[in-house]
N, C-alpha and C. Protein backbone atom coordinates (compact mmCIF):
# COMPACT_ATOMS: atom_id res chain seq x y z
N MET A 1 8.48 -10.27 0.31
CA MET A 1 7.28 -9.96 -0.76
C MET A 1 7.35 -9.18 -1.69
N SER A 2 6.88 -9.67 -3.04
CA SER A 2 7.16 -8.84 -4.16
C SER A 2 5.57 -8.08 -4.96
N GLU A 3 4.93 -7.84 -4.14
CA GLU A 3 3.56 -7.37 -4.24
C GLU A 3 3.88 -5.78 -4.86
N THR A 4 3.35 -5.11 -6.00
CA THR A 4 3.87 -3.66 -6.15
C THR A 4 3.09 -2.91 -5.55
N CYS A 5 3.41 -1.78 -4.56
CA CYS A 5 2.70 -0.97 -4.43
C CYS A 5 1.97 -0.21 -5.05
N PRO A 6 0.75 0.17 -4.78
CA PRO A 6 -0.31 1.00 -5.58
C PRO A 6 0.25 2.34 -5.47
N ARG A 7 0.75 3.03 -4.83
CA ARG A 7 1.37 4.49 -4.47
C ARG A 7 2.44 4.91 -5.19
N CYS A 8 3.52 3.92 -4.45
CA CYS A 8 4.83 4.19 -4.98
C CYS A 8 5.38 3.74 -6.10
N LEU A 9 4.58 2.38 -6.49
CA LEU A 9 5.23 1.55 -7.60
C LEU A 9 6.51 0.72 -6.84
N THR A 10 6.87 0.30 -5.98
CA THR A 10 8.17 -0.50 -5.51
C THR A 10 7.48 -1.69 -5.25
N GLY A 11 8.31 -2.12 -5.17
CA GLY A 11 7.88 -3.88 -4.71
C GLY A 11 8.23 -4.50 -3.28
N GLU A 12 8.66 -3.10 -2.43
CA GLU A 12 9.01 -3.69 -1.20
C GLU A 12 8.01 -3.53 -0.02
N THR A 13 6.85 -4.69 0.26
CA THR A 13 6.05 -4.53 0.75
C THR A 13 6.18 -5.74 1.63
N ARG A 14 5.21 -5.79 2.77
CA ARG A 14 5.01 -6.52 3.74
C ARG A 14 3.49 -7.28 4.24
N LEU A 15 3.66 -8.32 4.46
CA LEU A 15 2.08 -8.96 4.63
C LEU A 15 2.26 -8.54 5.87
N GLU A 16 0.86 -7.96 6.20
CA GLU A 16 0.64 -7.75 7.33
C GLU A 16 -0.59 -8.79 8.38
N HIS A 17 -1.69 -9.03 7.44
CA HIS A 17 -3.03 -9.72 8.10
C HIS A 17 -3.19 -10.80 6.63
N GLU A 18 -3.86 -11.77 7.00
CA GLU A 18 -4.35 -12.46 5.71
C GLU A 18 -5.95 -12.68 6.76
N GLY A 19 -7.43 -12.52 5.74
CA GLY A 19 -8.56 -12.44 6.22
C GLY A 19 -9.00 -13.88 5.84
N LYS A 20 -9.40 -14.75 6.60
CA LYS A 20 -10.17 -16.33 6.52
C LYS A 20 -10.93 -16.34 6.69
N GLU A 21 -12.37 -16.87 5.88
CA GLU A 21 -13.41 -17.12 6.19
C GLU A 21 -13.30 -19.30 5.99
N GLN A 22 -13.73 -19.71 7.15
CA GLN A 22 -13.73 -21.10 6.75
C GLN A 22 -12.43 -21.88 6.18
N GLY A 23 -11.37 -21.18 6.68
CA GLY A 23 -10.26 -21.63 6.49
C GLY A 23 -9.24 -21.55 5.23
N LYS A 24 -10.42 -20.60 4.15
CA LYS A 24 -10.22 -20.10 2.76
C LYS A 24 -9.91 -18.71 2.90
N LEU A 25 -8.84 -18.32 2.20
CA LEU A 25 -8.23 -16.72 2.40
C LEU A 25 -8.98 -15.67 1.56
N VAL A 26 -9.35 -14.86 2.00
CA VAL A 26 -10.69 -14.00 1.56
C VAL A 26 -9.81 -12.62 0.89
N TRP A 27 -8.92 -12.18 1.90
CA TRP A 27 -8.16 -11.08 1.51
C TRP A 27 -7.03 -11.00 2.16
N ARG A 28 -5.99 -10.21 1.76
CA ARG A 28 -4.61 -10.23 2.98
C ARG A 28 -4.80 -8.08 2.86
N ILE A 29 -3.98 -7.86 3.99
CA ILE A 29 -3.74 -6.60 4.26
C ILE A 29 -1.79 -6.54 4.17
N LEU A 30 -1.73 -5.72 3.12
CA LEU A 30 -0.32 -5.45 2.41
C LEU A 30 0.43 -3.88 3.06
N HIS A 31 1.70 -3.61 3.43
CA HIS A 31 2.04 -2.37 3.97
C HIS A 31 3.23 -2.05 3.12
N CYS A 32 3.33 -1.11 2.62
CA CYS A 32 4.46 -0.74 1.69
C CYS A 32 5.98 -0.32 2.65
N LEU A 33 7.02 -0.71 2.58
CA LEU A 33 7.83 -0.39 3.31
C LEU A 33 8.59 0.88 2.75
N THR A 34 8.37 1.57 1.69
CA THR A 34 8.85 2.25 1.17
C THR A 34 8.27 3.60 1.39
N CYS A 35 7.07 3.86 0.92
CA CYS A 35 5.94 4.77 1.39
C CYS A 35 4.76 4.87 2.73
N SER A 36 4.83 3.42 3.04
CA SER A 36 3.95 3.63 4.25
C SER A 36 2.45 3.58 3.97
N TYR A 37 2.11 3.24 2.81
CA TYR A 37 0.86 2.70 2.67
C TYR A 37 0.38 1.39 2.72
N THR A 38 -0.61 1.32 3.15
CA THR A 38 -1.69 0.02 3.82
C THR A 38 -2.87 0.00 2.86
N TRP A 39 -2.77 -1.13 2.29
CA TRP A 39 -3.81 -1.66 1.77
C TRP A 39 -4.55 -3.04 1.67
N ARG A 40 -6.02 -3.12 1.77
CA ARG A 40 -6.25 -4.56 1.59
C ARG A 40 -6.56 -5.19 0.12
N ASP A 41 -5.97 -6.24 -0.12
CA ASP A 41 -6.06 -6.51 -1.81
C ASP A 41 -7.33 -6.68 -2.39
N SER A 42 -8.49 -6.86 -1.57
CA SER A 42 -9.77 -6.67 -1.95
C SER A 42 -10.50 -5.53 -2.46
N GLU A 43 -9.82 -4.47 -1.75
CA GLU A 43 -10.35 -3.16 -2.35
C GLU A 43 -10.41 -2.52 -4.06
N PRO A 44 -11.32 -1.95 -4.29
CA PRO A 44 -11.52 -2.00 -6.06
C PRO A 44 -10.17 -1.55 -6.86
N ALA A 45 -10.13 -1.88 -7.90
CA ALA A 45 -8.80 -1.81 -8.79
C ALA A 45 -8.48 -0.51 -8.62
N SER A 46 -9.45 0.51 -8.66
CA SER A 46 -9.16 1.93 -9.08
C SER A 46 -8.69 2.37 -7.75
N THR A 47 -8.29 1.57 -6.70
CA THR A 47 -7.70 1.79 -5.48
C THR A 47 -6.17 1.01 -5.17
N VAL A 48 -6.50 -0.51 -6.03
CA VAL A 48 -4.94 -1.04 -5.28
C VAL A 48 -4.18 -1.81 -6.65
N ASP A 49 -4.82 -1.18 -8.02
CA ASP A 49 -4.13 -1.66 -9.20
C ASP A 49 -3.48 -0.57 -9.75
N PRO A 50 -1.80 -0.82 -9.83
CA PRO A 50 -1.17 0.56 -9.98
C PRO A 50 -1.82 0.53 -11.63
N LYS A 51 -2.11 -0.08 -12.54
CA LYS A 51 -2.52 0.07 -13.37
C LYS A 51 -3.56 1.10 -14.01
N THR A 52 -4.72 1.02 -12.60
CA THR A 52 -6.05 1.57 -13.57
C THR A 52 -6.05 3.09 -12.25
N ARG A 53 -4.98 2.86 -11.10
CA ARG A 53 -5.09 3.54 -10.14
C ARG A 53 -4.84 5.35 -10.49
N ASP A 54 -5.66 6.31 -10.19
CA ASP A 54 -5.23 7.50 -10.70
C ASP A 54 -4.13 8.10 -10.24
N ALA A 55 -3.00 8.60 -11.14
CA ALA A 55 -1.90 8.84 -11.23
C ALA A 55 -1.48 9.94 -10.27
N ASP A 56 -2.79 10.75 -10.00
CA ASP A 56 -2.74 12.28 -8.98
C ASP A 56 -2.37 11.37 -7.72
N PHE A 57 -2.54 10.16 -6.98
CA PHE A 57 -2.42 9.89 -5.96
C PHE A 57 -1.08 9.35 -5.88
N ARG A 58 -0.26 9.02 -6.34
CA ARG A 58 1.15 8.33 -6.96
C ARG A 58 1.88 9.25 -6.11
N VAL A 59 2.96 8.50 -5.32
CA VAL A 59 4.44 9.34 -4.69
C VAL A 59 5.30 8.68 -5.19
N ASP A 60 6.32 9.80 -5.72
CA ASP A 60 7.57 9.34 -6.56
C ASP A 60 8.35 9.02 -4.77
N PRO A 61 9.29 7.73 -4.80
CA PRO A 61 9.86 7.40 -4.00
C PRO A 61 11.12 7.90 -3.53
N ALA A 62 11.41 8.65 -4.91
CA ALA A 62 12.71 9.39 -4.21
C ALA A 62 12.51 10.73 -3.84
N LYS A 63 11.01 11.26 -3.63
CA LYS A 63 10.98 12.43 -3.04
C LYS A 63 10.14 12.44 -1.63
N ILE A 64 10.09 10.99 -1.22
CA ILE A 64 9.17 10.79 -0.34
C ILE A 64 9.98 12.05 1.07
N ASP A 65 11.68 12.01 1.09
CA ASP A 65 11.81 12.43 2.22
C ASP A 65 11.58 14.17 2.22
N LYS A 66 11.04 14.50 1.02
CA LYS A 66 10.94 15.82 0.93
C LYS A 66 9.15 16.21 1.03
N LEU A 67 8.45 15.41 1.70
CA LEU A 67 7.27 15.45 1.36
C LEU A 67 6.70 16.04 2.96
N ALA A 68 6.10 16.85 3.17
CA ALA A 68 5.60 17.60 4.63
C ALA A 68 5.16 16.48 5.36
N VAL A 69 5.38 16.35 6.44
CA VAL A 69 4.93 15.62 7.98
C VAL A 69 3.35 16.14 8.14
N ILE A 70 2.67 15.23 7.85
CA ILE A 70 1.37 15.92 8.31
C ILE A 70 0.83 15.23 9.62
N LEU A 71 1.51 14.35 10.20
CA LEU A 71 1.10 13.58 11.43
C LEU A 71 2.45 13.13 12.26
N ALA A 72 2.06 13.52 13.46
CA ALA A 72 3.51 13.21 14.39
C ALA A 72 3.17 12.50 15.38
N PRO A 73 4.42 11.83 16.19
CA PRO A 73 3.86 10.82 16.97
C PRO A 73 3.51 11.72 18.18
N VAL A 74 2.70 11.21 19.21
CA VAL A 74 1.75 11.88 20.28
C VAL A 74 3.05 11.73 21.62
N ARG A 75 3.20 12.72 22.05
CA ARG A 75 4.31 12.29 23.07
C ARG A 75 3.96 12.81 24.71
């Protein structure tokens, strides 16, 4: 899929789910394979449109491995 991630601006995304009503597509859930951001395409543009999303919430894909891990798997 070539949807642009609103957080890291890469195009490596995966379609997770499609919400349908009476057989008509209403929304999709997408997942970024680079930064792990997941979003529903029906959210406000300020959340999902890279052109209007606040740059303070952007992630540089080149620096992802340097970010702190805040959630760890439960063992």
